[in-house]
Each structure stands twice: as structure tokens, then as C-alpha cells.
Amino acid sequence: MYDLTDKGSTRLTLQYWTLAVLSNGETCSVNESIWQQNSKQLCNVSNTYYHCLPSNYLNETVEICLKPQIIPKGHCAIYNTDQNNVSYDRASRCHGKNFTGCPAEHYYSNRTFLHPSCLQINPEHACYLAASGCPDIERHETTWSPGGGSSSDEGKVSPSIKLIHLFLCALVFCWLN
């Protein structure tokens, strides 16, 4: 079921979507053409688009193909690991707080690259780097290429991804039977 595993990122490919967890310090690209390229290469089911988002716990960044959702102004899009969908960070509305780059208008989640402040997190402190009081970390923009993966020095798979993997294996098994 694993399509690609390298030192830092784990990419899980199922029939309908791809899931990858970026390593500590890696961030999503803010380049629109890279998002479009990834969407074409990775998201082969209609109505799903490439997303690269922080998880709802702000402790990891996830690449995944999902249906876009409208995100209200003043909020950042997140990948909800509990519900396996795109949502927004209801707990930390960025508008009106010391948060540089807070989205001023509604936007579709697959266009989050337009709001780089919503993509850059400190996973150790579970906060947005743009928020005042969030410690800075060394970070690297990541891009994925077929067969190449993204690079990093760490080899950890988060517990939430292990749970998702277990759930998806069970789901695929039930679907095939």
C-alpha cells in the first residue's frame, strides 16, 4: 500500500488519493504552478485537488487530494485528521490577533498557497509561525517529483498517520470484500 517511503516523508497511495506527511521543518510550496502540477500528477479522481495543509493539531503538514472547501476569511485551512477532510482552524481565528498574513477574504482550500502564513507552522509548539509568540524554526520548502519524494533527515511517521493508515487499510479491505 505504501507507494513511496524515503528518509523524511511518507507517501501513501490509495486508489483515490495520496497522503504524505512532511518532515519537521518542511513547508508547503507557495508556488501555484507546483500546486497545479501536483494536482494533475497525484489527484486522479474527479473533484479532488492537491492540498498541502497543516493538520488540525498544527503538529505536522500533510499533502493530500481532497475536494476543496470554502474557508472563511480570518481563518486558515487545515487537514482534519479526525474527519479526513479539509476544514478550518476554528480555535485560532487569525483575524484580530497578532498574525501576519491572515486571509482577508473567503478562499477555496486548494488555493491556500495564496496565504503562506497559513502553511508555515512550528510543529513542536503547535503554532503558526506568523503568530506572535510562536518560536521560529528552520524550515525548507518541499516539492514532490514522481519517484523522487521530498528530502529530509528525519524518518518519523506520526501516530495520527499510522492511525489513518490502519483505518484506510481496513476500509480498502472491507470495500474489496
N, C-alpha and C. Protein backbone atom coordinates (compact mmCIF):
# COMPACT_ATOMS: atom_id res chain seq x y z
N MET A 1 0.82 -1.19 0.00
CA MET A 1 0.00 0.00 0.00
C MET A 1 0.86 1.25 0.00
N TYR A 2 2.07 1.20 0.56
CA TYR A 2 2.95 2.37 0.51
C TYR A 2 3.54 2.48 -0.88
N ASP A 3 3.41 3.63 -1.47
CA ASP A 3 3.92 3.89 -2.81
C ASP A 3 5.35 4.40 -2.75
N LEU A 4 5.65 5.18 -1.74
CA LEU A 4 6.97 5.80 -1.65
C LEU A 4 7.29 6.06 -0.19
N THR A 5 8.45 5.65 0.23
CA THR A 5 8.91 5.99 1.57
C THR A 5 10.36 6.41 1.44
N ASP A 6 10.68 7.57 1.93
CA ASP A 6 12.08 7.99 1.96
C ASP A 6 12.39 8.50 3.34
N LYS A 7 13.55 9.04 3.53
CA LYS A 7 14.02 9.40 4.87
C LYS A 7 13.04 10.26 5.66
N GLY A 8 12.42 11.25 5.04
CA GLY A 8 11.68 12.20 5.82
C GLY A 8 10.19 12.20 5.61
N SER A 9 9.72 11.84 4.45
CA SER A 9 8.30 11.92 4.18
C SER A 9 7.78 10.53 3.89
N THR A 10 6.54 10.32 4.25
CA THR A 10 5.89 9.07 3.94
C THR A 10 4.75 9.39 3.01
N ARG A 11 4.69 8.71 1.88
CA ARG A 11 3.63 8.93 0.91
C ARG A 11 2.84 7.64 0.80
N LEU A 12 1.56 7.71 1.04
CA LEU A 12 0.65 6.58 0.99
C LEU A 12 -0.26 6.79 -0.21
N THR A 13 -0.27 5.84 -1.13
CA THR A 13 -1.11 5.99 -2.30
C THR A 13 -2.21 4.94 -2.26
N LEU A 14 -3.43 5.40 -2.33
CA LEU A 14 -4.58 4.52 -2.44
C LEU A 14 -5.18 4.73 -3.81
N GLN A 15 -6.27 4.08 -4.08
CA GLN A 15 -6.87 4.19 -5.40
C GLN A 15 -7.31 5.61 -5.69
N TYR A 16 -7.72 6.38 -4.70
CA TYR A 16 -8.33 7.66 -4.98
C TYR A 16 -7.54 8.88 -4.55
N TRP A 17 -6.62 8.77 -3.62
CA TRP A 17 -5.89 9.95 -3.20
C TRP A 17 -4.55 9.58 -2.60
N THR A 18 -3.72 10.55 -2.45
CA THR A 18 -2.37 10.35 -1.94
C THR A 18 -2.22 11.13 -0.65
N LEU A 19 -1.54 10.55 0.29
CA LEU A 19 -1.30 11.20 1.57
C LEU A 19 0.19 11.16 1.86
N ALA A 20 0.75 12.31 2.17
CA ALA A 20 2.16 12.38 2.55
C ALA A 20 2.27 13.28 3.76
N VAL A 21 3.15 12.93 4.66
CA VAL A 21 3.42 13.76 5.83
C VAL A 21 4.80 14.35 5.64
N LEU A 22 4.88 15.67 5.69
CA LEU A 22 6.17 16.33 5.53
C LEU A 22 6.93 16.28 6.83
N SER A 23 8.22 16.28 6.74
CA SER A 23 9.08 16.22 7.91
C SER A 23 9.11 17.55 8.64
N ASN A 24 9.57 17.51 9.88
CA ASN A 24 9.74 18.75 10.64
C ASN A 24 10.60 19.72 9.84
N GLY A 25 10.17 20.95 9.77
CA GLY A 25 10.93 21.96 9.07
C GLY A 25 10.54 22.12 7.61
N GLU A 26 9.86 21.13 7.02
CA GLU A 26 9.42 21.26 5.64
C GLU A 26 8.09 22.00 5.60
N THR A 27 7.93 22.83 4.60
CA THR A 27 6.67 23.55 4.44
C THR A 27 6.13 23.33 3.04
N CYS A 28 4.89 23.66 2.86
CA CYS A 28 4.25 23.55 1.56
C CYS A 28 4.80 24.62 0.62
N SER A 29 4.81 24.30 -0.64
CA SER A 29 5.20 25.28 -1.64
C SER A 29 4.14 26.36 -1.72
N VAL A 30 4.55 27.57 -2.02
CA VAL A 30 3.60 28.66 -2.24
C VAL A 30 3.56 29.02 -3.73
N ASN A 31 4.05 28.12 -4.55
CA ASN A 31 4.10 28.32 -5.99
C ASN A 31 2.86 27.67 -6.62
N GLU A 32 2.02 28.48 -7.27
CA GLU A 32 0.77 27.98 -7.85
C GLU A 32 1.02 26.88 -8.88
N SER A 33 2.03 27.03 -9.71
CA SER A 33 2.28 26.02 -10.74
C SER A 33 2.66 24.67 -10.13
N ILE A 34 3.35 24.67 -9.00
CA ILE A 34 3.69 23.41 -8.33
C ILE A 34 2.42 22.76 -7.78
N TRP A 35 1.52 23.56 -7.22
CA TRP A 35 0.26 23.01 -6.72
C TRP A 35 -0.55 22.41 -7.89
N GLN A 36 -0.59 23.10 -9.01
CA GLN A 36 -1.34 22.59 -10.18
C GLN A 36 -0.69 21.31 -10.71
N GLN A 37 0.63 21.29 -10.79
CA GLN A 37 1.36 20.11 -11.25
C GLN A 37 1.08 18.92 -10.32
N ASN A 38 1.18 19.15 -9.01
CA ASN A 38 0.91 18.08 -8.05
C ASN A 38 -0.52 17.60 -8.15
N SER A 39 -1.46 18.50 -8.39
CA SER A 39 -2.85 18.13 -8.52
C SER A 39 -3.05 17.19 -9.71
N LYS A 40 -2.42 17.52 -10.84
CA LYS A 40 -2.53 16.68 -12.04
C LYS A 40 -1.86 15.33 -11.85
N GLN A 41 -0.71 15.30 -11.19
CA GLN A 41 0.05 14.06 -11.03
C GLN A 41 -0.49 13.16 -9.92
N LEU A 42 -1.00 13.75 -8.87
CA LEU A 42 -1.37 12.95 -7.69
C LEU A 42 -2.86 12.74 -7.53
N CYS A 43 -3.65 13.65 -8.01
CA CYS A 43 -5.09 13.62 -7.74
C CYS A 43 -5.83 13.17 -9.01
N ASN A 44 -6.05 11.87 -9.11
CA ASN A 44 -6.61 11.32 -10.34
C ASN A 44 -8.10 11.03 -10.27
N VAL A 45 -8.76 11.51 -9.28
CA VAL A 45 -10.21 11.33 -9.16
C VAL A 45 -10.86 12.69 -9.35
N SER A 46 -11.95 12.70 -10.10
CA SER A 46 -12.62 13.98 -10.36
C SER A 46 -13.03 14.65 -9.06
N ASN A 47 -13.00 15.93 -9.07
CA ASN A 47 -13.38 16.77 -7.94
C ASN A 47 -12.42 16.72 -6.77
N THR A 48 -11.27 16.09 -6.91
CA THR A 48 -10.26 16.17 -5.86
C THR A 48 -9.10 16.98 -6.37
N TYR A 49 -8.53 17.75 -5.48
CA TYR A 49 -7.42 18.64 -5.82
C TYR A 49 -6.34 18.51 -4.77
N TYR A 50 -5.13 18.84 -5.19
CA TYR A 50 -3.98 18.80 -4.31
C TYR A 50 -4.14 19.83 -3.19
N HIS A 51 -3.87 19.40 -1.98
CA HIS A 51 -3.82 20.27 -0.81
C HIS A 51 -2.53 19.97 -0.06
N CYS A 52 -1.92 20.97 0.47
CA CYS A 52 -0.78 20.83 1.37
C CYS A 52 -1.11 21.72 2.55
N LEU A 53 -1.46 21.09 3.67
CA LEU A 53 -2.02 21.83 4.80
C LEU A 53 -1.47 21.34 6.13
N PRO A 54 -1.43 22.22 7.11
CA PRO A 54 -1.14 21.75 8.47
C PRO A 54 -2.29 20.88 8.96
N SER A 55 -1.98 19.94 9.83
CA SER A 55 -3.05 19.13 10.43
C SER A 55 -3.80 19.97 11.46
N ASN A 56 -4.93 19.47 11.91
CA ASN A 56 -5.73 20.19 12.89
C ASN A 56 -5.00 20.35 14.23
N TYR A 57 -3.97 19.58 14.47
CA TYR A 57 -3.21 19.72 15.72
C TYR A 57 -2.00 20.64 15.55
N LEU A 58 -1.77 21.14 14.31
CA LEU A 58 -0.65 22.01 13.97
C LEU A 58 0.70 21.38 14.33
N ASN A 59 0.75 20.04 14.32
CA ASN A 59 2.00 19.36 14.65
C ASN A 59 2.63 18.66 13.45
N GLU A 60 2.00 18.77 12.29
CA GLU A 60 2.52 18.17 11.07
C GLU A 60 1.87 18.83 9.86
N THR A 61 2.50 18.66 8.71
CA THR A 61 1.96 19.17 7.46
C THR A 61 1.68 17.99 6.56
N VAL A 62 0.53 18.00 5.92
CA VAL A 62 0.05 16.85 5.16
C VAL A 62 -0.22 17.26 3.71
N GLU A 63 0.23 16.44 2.77
CA GLU A 63 -0.14 16.58 1.37
C GLU A 63 -1.23 15.56 1.08
N ILE A 64 -2.33 15.99 0.50
CA ILE A 64 -3.46 15.08 0.28
C ILE A 64 -4.34 15.61 -0.84
N CYS A 65 -5.07 14.73 -1.48
CA CYS A 65 -6.02 15.09 -2.53
C CYS A 65 -7.43 14.98 -1.97
N LEU A 66 -8.12 16.11 -1.94
CA LEU A 66 -9.47 16.16 -1.39
C LEU A 66 -10.30 17.16 -2.16
N LYS A 67 -11.60 17.12 -1.92
CA LYS A 67 -12.48 18.13 -2.51
C LYS A 67 -12.24 19.46 -1.79
N PRO A 68 -12.12 20.55 -2.56
CA PRO A 68 -11.89 21.86 -1.94
C PRO A 68 -13.10 22.31 -1.12
N GLN A 69 -12.82 23.06 -0.08
CA GLN A 69 -13.85 23.65 0.77
C GLN A 69 -13.65 25.16 0.80
N ILE A 70 -14.73 25.89 1.01
CA ILE A 70 -14.61 27.33 1.18
C ILE A 70 -14.17 27.60 2.61
N ILE A 71 -13.11 28.39 2.73
CA ILE A 71 -12.56 28.73 4.04
C ILE A 71 -12.94 30.18 4.32
N PRO A 72 -13.58 30.45 5.45
CA PRO A 72 -13.98 31.83 5.76
C PRO A 72 -12.78 32.75 5.97
N LYS A 73 -12.98 34.02 5.66
CA LYS A 73 -11.91 34.99 5.90
C LYS A 73 -11.56 34.98 7.38
N GLY A 74 -10.31 35.26 7.65
CA GLY A 74 -9.86 35.28 9.04
C GLY A 74 -9.52 33.91 9.59
N HIS A 75 -9.49 32.89 8.73
CA HIS A 75 -9.17 31.52 9.17
C HIS A 75 -8.18 30.88 8.22
N CYS A 76 -7.45 29.92 8.72
CA CYS A 76 -6.52 29.14 7.91
C CYS A 76 -7.10 27.76 7.66
N ALA A 77 -6.90 27.26 6.43
CA ALA A 77 -7.34 25.90 6.10
C ALA A 77 -6.44 24.90 6.82
N ILE A 78 -7.03 23.80 7.25
CA ILE A 78 -6.28 22.72 7.89
C ILE A 78 -6.80 21.38 7.35
N TYR A 79 -5.99 20.35 7.51
CA TYR A 79 -6.45 18.98 7.23
C TYR A 79 -6.89 18.39 8.56
N ASN A 80 -8.16 18.06 8.66
CA ASN A 80 -8.71 17.49 9.88
C ASN A 80 -8.45 15.98 9.87
N THR A 81 -7.48 15.55 10.65
CA THR A 81 -7.09 14.14 10.68
C THR A 81 -8.17 13.25 11.29
N ASP A 82 -9.02 13.81 12.12
CA ASP A 82 -10.08 13.03 12.75
C ASP A 82 -11.22 12.75 11.78
N GLN A 83 -11.49 13.69 10.87
CA GLN A 83 -12.60 13.55 9.93
C GLN A 83 -12.16 13.28 8.50
N ASN A 84 -10.84 13.26 8.26
CA ASN A 84 -10.28 13.03 6.93
C ASN A 84 -10.84 14.00 5.89
N ASN A 85 -10.85 15.28 6.23
CA ASN A 85 -11.32 16.29 5.28
C ASN A 85 -10.66 17.64 5.54
N VAL A 86 -10.93 18.55 4.64
CA VAL A 86 -10.43 19.92 4.79
C VAL A 86 -11.39 20.66 5.70
N SER A 87 -10.84 21.43 6.58
CA SER A 87 -11.64 22.24 7.48
C SER A 87 -10.90 23.56 7.67
N TYR A 88 -11.28 24.29 8.70
CA TYR A 88 -10.51 25.49 9.03
C TYR A 88 -10.31 25.53 10.52
N ASP A 89 -9.29 26.25 10.90
CA ASP A 89 -8.87 26.30 12.29
C ASP A 89 -9.81 27.21 13.08
N ARG A 90 -10.87 26.62 13.61
CA ARG A 90 -11.87 27.39 14.35
C ARG A 90 -11.32 27.92 15.67
N ALA A 91 -10.38 27.18 16.24
CA ALA A 91 -9.84 27.56 17.55
C ALA A 91 -8.90 28.76 17.47
N SER A 92 -8.21 28.92 16.37
CA SER A 92 -7.27 30.03 16.30
C SER A 92 -7.56 30.93 15.11
N ARG A 93 -8.69 31.58 15.21
CA ARG A 93 -9.01 32.57 14.19
C ARG A 93 -7.88 33.60 14.18
N CYS A 94 -7.30 33.83 13.02
CA CYS A 94 -6.12 34.68 12.97
C CYS A 94 -6.46 36.17 12.89
N HIS A 95 -7.65 36.50 12.43
CA HIS A 95 -8.02 37.91 12.29
C HIS A 95 -8.11 38.57 13.67
N GLY A 96 -7.53 39.74 13.79
CA GLY A 96 -7.61 40.49 15.04
C GLY A 96 -6.56 40.08 16.05
N LYS A 97 -5.77 39.08 15.71
CA LYS A 97 -4.68 38.66 16.59
C LYS A 97 -3.38 39.08 15.93
N ASN A 98 -2.31 39.01 16.64
CA ASN A 98 -1.01 39.34 16.06
C ASN A 98 -0.58 38.20 15.14
N PHE A 99 -1.16 38.19 13.96
CA PHE A 99 -0.93 37.14 12.97
C PHE A 99 -0.70 37.82 11.63
N THR A 100 0.52 37.79 11.15
CA THR A 100 0.85 38.43 9.88
C THR A 100 0.38 37.57 8.72
N GLY A 101 -0.37 38.15 7.78
CA GLY A 101 -0.80 37.41 6.59
C GLY A 101 -2.10 36.65 6.73
N CYS A 102 -2.93 37.04 7.67
CA CYS A 102 -4.22 36.39 7.86
C CYS A 102 -5.09 36.63 6.62
N PRO A 103 -5.76 35.59 6.07
CA PRO A 103 -6.61 35.77 4.89
C PRO A 103 -7.72 36.80 5.13
N ALA A 104 -7.78 37.79 4.26
CA ALA A 104 -8.76 38.87 4.40
C ALA A 104 -10.08 38.57 3.70
N GLU A 105 -10.11 37.54 2.86
CA GLU A 105 -11.31 37.17 2.11
C GLU A 105 -11.53 35.67 2.19
N HIS A 106 -12.77 35.24 1.88
CA HIS A 106 -13.02 33.80 1.75
C HIS A 106 -12.15 33.26 0.62
N TYR A 107 -11.79 31.98 0.69
CA TYR A 107 -10.99 31.37 -0.37
C TYR A 107 -11.23 29.86 -0.37
N TYR A 108 -10.91 29.23 -1.50
CA TYR A 108 -11.01 27.77 -1.58
C TYR A 108 -9.75 27.15 -1.00
N SER A 109 -9.92 26.04 -0.30
CA SER A 109 -8.80 25.39 0.39
C SER A 109 -7.68 24.96 -0.54
N ASN A 110 -7.98 24.65 -1.79
CA ASN A 110 -6.92 24.25 -2.72
C ASN A 110 -6.15 25.46 -3.26
N ARG A 111 -6.46 26.64 -2.76
CA ARG A 111 -5.73 27.86 -3.12
C ARG A 111 -5.04 28.45 -1.88
N THR A 112 -4.79 27.62 -0.90
CA THR A 112 -4.15 28.06 0.33
C THR A 112 -2.74 28.57 0.08
N PHE A 113 -2.12 28.18 -1.02
CA PHE A 113 -0.78 28.67 -1.34
C PHE A 113 -0.76 30.19 -1.44
N LEU A 114 -1.93 30.81 -1.63
CA LEU A 114 -2.01 32.27 -1.67
C LEU A 114 -1.85 32.88 -0.28
N HIS A 115 -1.90 32.05 0.75
CA HIS A 115 -1.80 32.50 2.15
C HIS A 115 -0.67 31.75 2.85
N PRO A 116 0.58 32.06 2.50
CA PRO A 116 1.71 31.32 3.05
C PRO A 116 1.79 31.32 4.57
N SER A 117 1.26 32.34 5.21
CA SER A 117 1.30 32.37 6.68
C SER A 117 0.48 31.23 7.27
N CYS A 118 -0.51 30.75 6.53
CA CYS A 118 -1.34 29.64 7.00
C CYS A 118 -0.67 28.29 6.78
N LEU A 119 0.42 28.26 6.05
CA LEU A 119 1.10 27.00 5.74
C LEU A 119 2.32 26.75 6.61
N GLN A 120 2.81 27.78 7.24
CA GLN A 120 4.05 27.66 7.99
C GLN A 120 3.76 27.52 9.48
N ILE A 121 4.10 26.34 10.00
CA ILE A 121 3.83 26.04 11.41
C ILE A 121 5.11 25.65 12.12
N ASN A 122 5.06 25.73 13.43
CA ASN A 122 6.10 25.16 14.27
C ASN A 122 5.48 23.92 14.90
N PRO A 123 5.79 22.73 14.38
CA PRO A 123 5.13 21.52 14.86
C PRO A 123 5.46 21.16 16.31
N GLU A 124 6.61 21.59 16.79
CA GLU A 124 6.97 21.30 18.19
C GLU A 124 6.13 22.11 19.17
N HIS A 125 5.75 23.32 18.77
CA HIS A 125 4.95 24.19 19.65
C HIS A 125 3.50 24.29 19.19
N ALA A 126 3.15 23.60 18.09
CA ALA A 126 1.79 23.57 17.55
C ALA A 126 1.22 24.97 17.38
N CYS A 127 1.95 25.79 16.62
CA CYS A 127 1.50 27.16 16.38
C CYS A 127 1.89 27.61 14.98
N TYR A 128 1.20 28.63 14.50
CA TYR A 128 1.55 29.24 13.22
C TYR A 128 2.75 30.15 13.43
N LEU A 129 3.74 30.06 12.56
CA LEU A 129 4.93 30.90 12.69
C LEU A 129 4.60 32.38 12.59
N ALA A 130 3.51 32.71 11.89
CA ALA A 130 3.12 34.10 11.72
C ALA A 130 2.48 34.69 12.98
N ALA A 131 2.12 33.84 13.92
CA ALA A 131 1.51 34.31 15.17
C ALA A 131 2.59 34.82 16.11
N SER A 132 2.31 35.94 16.73
CA SER A 132 3.30 36.45 17.70
C SER A 132 3.41 35.44 18.84
N GLY A 133 4.58 35.26 19.32
CA GLY A 133 4.80 34.32 20.42
C GLY A 133 5.14 32.91 19.95
N CYS A 134 5.04 32.64 18.65
CA CYS A 134 5.40 31.31 18.14
C CYS A 134 6.89 31.31 17.79
N PRO A 135 7.67 30.44 18.41
CA PRO A 135 9.11 30.41 18.12
C PRO A 135 9.39 30.02 16.67
N ASP A 136 10.39 30.62 16.07
CA ASP A 136 10.77 30.31 14.70
C ASP A 136 11.52 28.99 14.66
N ILE A 137 11.48 28.33 13.51
CA ILE A 137 12.23 27.10 13.30
C ILE A 137 12.91 27.18 11.94
N GLU A 138 13.89 26.31 11.73
CA GLU A 138 14.49 26.21 10.40
C GLU A 138 13.51 25.43 9.54
N ARG A 139 13.20 25.96 8.36
CA ARG A 139 12.22 25.29 7.50
C ARG A 139 12.71 25.24 6.07
N HIS A 140 12.16 24.27 5.34
CA HIS A 140 12.54 24.05 3.95
C HIS A 140 11.28 23.85 3.13
N GLU A 141 11.17 24.56 2.01
CA GLU A 141 10.04 24.35 1.12
C GLU A 141 10.24 23.02 0.42
N THR A 142 9.16 22.26 0.27
CA THR A 142 9.26 20.96 -0.35
C THR A 142 8.48 20.91 -1.65
N THR A 143 9.01 20.16 -2.57
CA THR A 143 8.27 19.87 -3.80
C THR A 143 8.42 18.39 -4.04
N TRP A 144 7.41 17.81 -4.61
CA TRP A 144 7.41 16.38 -4.87
C TRP A 144 7.59 16.14 -6.34
N SER A 145 8.39 15.16 -6.70
CA SER A 145 8.51 14.77 -8.10
C SER A 145 8.31 13.26 -8.17
N PRO A 146 7.67 12.78 -9.22
CA PRO A 146 7.39 11.34 -9.32
C PRO A 146 8.65 10.52 -9.13
N GLY A 147 8.59 9.58 -8.20
CA GLY A 147 9.73 8.71 -7.93
C GLY A 147 10.81 9.35 -7.09
N GLY A 148 10.69 10.64 -6.82
CA GLY A 148 11.76 11.32 -6.11
C GLY A 148 11.46 11.54 -4.65
N GLY A 149 10.23 11.87 -4.33
CA GLY A 149 9.88 12.17 -2.95
C GLY A 149 10.47 13.49 -2.53
N SER A 150 10.27 13.84 -1.31
CA SER A 150 10.89 15.04 -0.76
C SER A 150 12.00 14.58 0.17
N SER A 151 12.93 15.45 0.44
CA SER A 151 14.10 15.02 1.20
C SER A 151 14.09 15.61 2.60
N SER A 152 14.69 14.86 3.51
CA SER A 152 14.82 15.31 4.88
C SER A 152 15.76 14.38 5.63
N ASP A 153 16.11 14.75 6.86
CA ASP A 153 16.99 13.92 7.66
C ASP A 153 16.23 13.05 8.65
N GLU A 154 14.95 13.27 8.81
CA GLU A 154 14.18 12.55 9.80
C GLU A 154 13.40 11.42 9.15
N GLY A 155 13.08 10.38 9.90
CA GLY A 155 12.34 9.25 9.36
C GLY A 155 11.13 8.89 10.18
N LYS A 156 10.52 9.83 10.81
CA LYS A 156 9.40 9.56 11.71
C LYS A 156 8.08 9.58 10.95
N VAL A 157 7.17 8.70 11.37
CA VAL A 157 5.80 8.72 10.89
C VAL A 157 4.95 9.04 12.11
N SER A 158 4.13 10.05 11.99
CA SER A 158 3.36 10.49 13.15
C SER A 158 2.31 9.46 13.54
N PRO A 159 1.92 9.43 14.81
CA PRO A 159 0.89 8.49 15.26
C PRO A 159 -0.44 8.69 14.54
N SER A 160 -0.79 9.92 14.22
CA SER A 160 -2.07 10.14 13.54
C SER A 160 -2.06 9.53 12.14
N ILE A 161 -0.92 9.56 11.47
CA ILE A 161 -0.82 8.96 10.14
C ILE A 161 -0.86 7.44 10.24
N LYS A 162 -0.26 6.88 11.27
CA LYS A 162 -0.34 5.44 11.47
C LYS A 162 -1.80 5.03 11.68
N LEU A 163 -2.55 5.81 12.45
CA LEU A 163 -3.97 5.53 12.65
C LEU A 163 -4.74 5.64 11.35
N ILE A 164 -4.47 6.68 10.58
CA ILE A 164 -5.13 6.86 9.28
C ILE A 164 -4.81 5.68 8.38
N HIS A 165 -3.56 5.26 8.37
CA HIS A 165 -3.15 4.13 7.54
C HIS A 165 -3.92 2.88 7.95
N LEU A 166 -4.01 2.60 9.23
CA LEU A 166 -4.73 1.44 9.72
C LEU A 166 -6.20 1.51 9.32
N PHE A 167 -6.81 2.67 9.50
CA PHE A 167 -8.21 2.87 9.12
C PHE A 167 -8.41 2.65 7.62
N LEU A 168 -7.52 3.21 6.82
CA LEU A 168 -7.66 3.09 5.36
C LEU A 168 -7.44 1.67 4.88
N CYS A 169 -6.51 0.96 5.51
CA CYS A 169 -6.32 -0.45 5.16
C CYS A 169 -7.59 -1.23 5.44
N ALA A 170 -8.20 -0.99 6.60
CA ALA A 170 -9.45 -1.66 6.94
C ALA A 170 -10.56 -1.29 5.96
N LEU A 171 -10.62 -0.02 5.60
CA LEU A 171 -11.64 0.45 4.66
C LEU A 171 -11.48 -0.20 3.29
N VAL A 172 -10.26 -0.25 2.79
CA VAL A 172 -9.99 -0.88 1.50
C VAL A 172 -10.30 -2.37 1.57
N PHE A 173 -9.91 -3.03 2.66
CA PHE A 173 -10.19 -4.44 2.84
C PHE A 173 -11.70 -4.70 2.81
N CYS A 174 -12.48 -3.90 3.53
CA CYS A 174 -13.94 -4.05 3.55
C CYS A 174 -14.54 -3.78 2.17
N TRP A 175 -13.99 -2.80 1.48
CA TRP A 175 -14.51 -2.44 0.17
C TRP A 175 -14.27 -3.55 -0.84
N LEU A 176 -13.10 -4.21 -0.75
CA LEU A 176 -12.77 -5.29 -1.67
C LEU A 176 -13.57 -6.56 -1.38
N ASN A 177 -14.03 -6.71 -0.14
CA ASN A 177 -14.78 -7.92 0.22
C ASN A 177 -16.21 -7.66 0.12
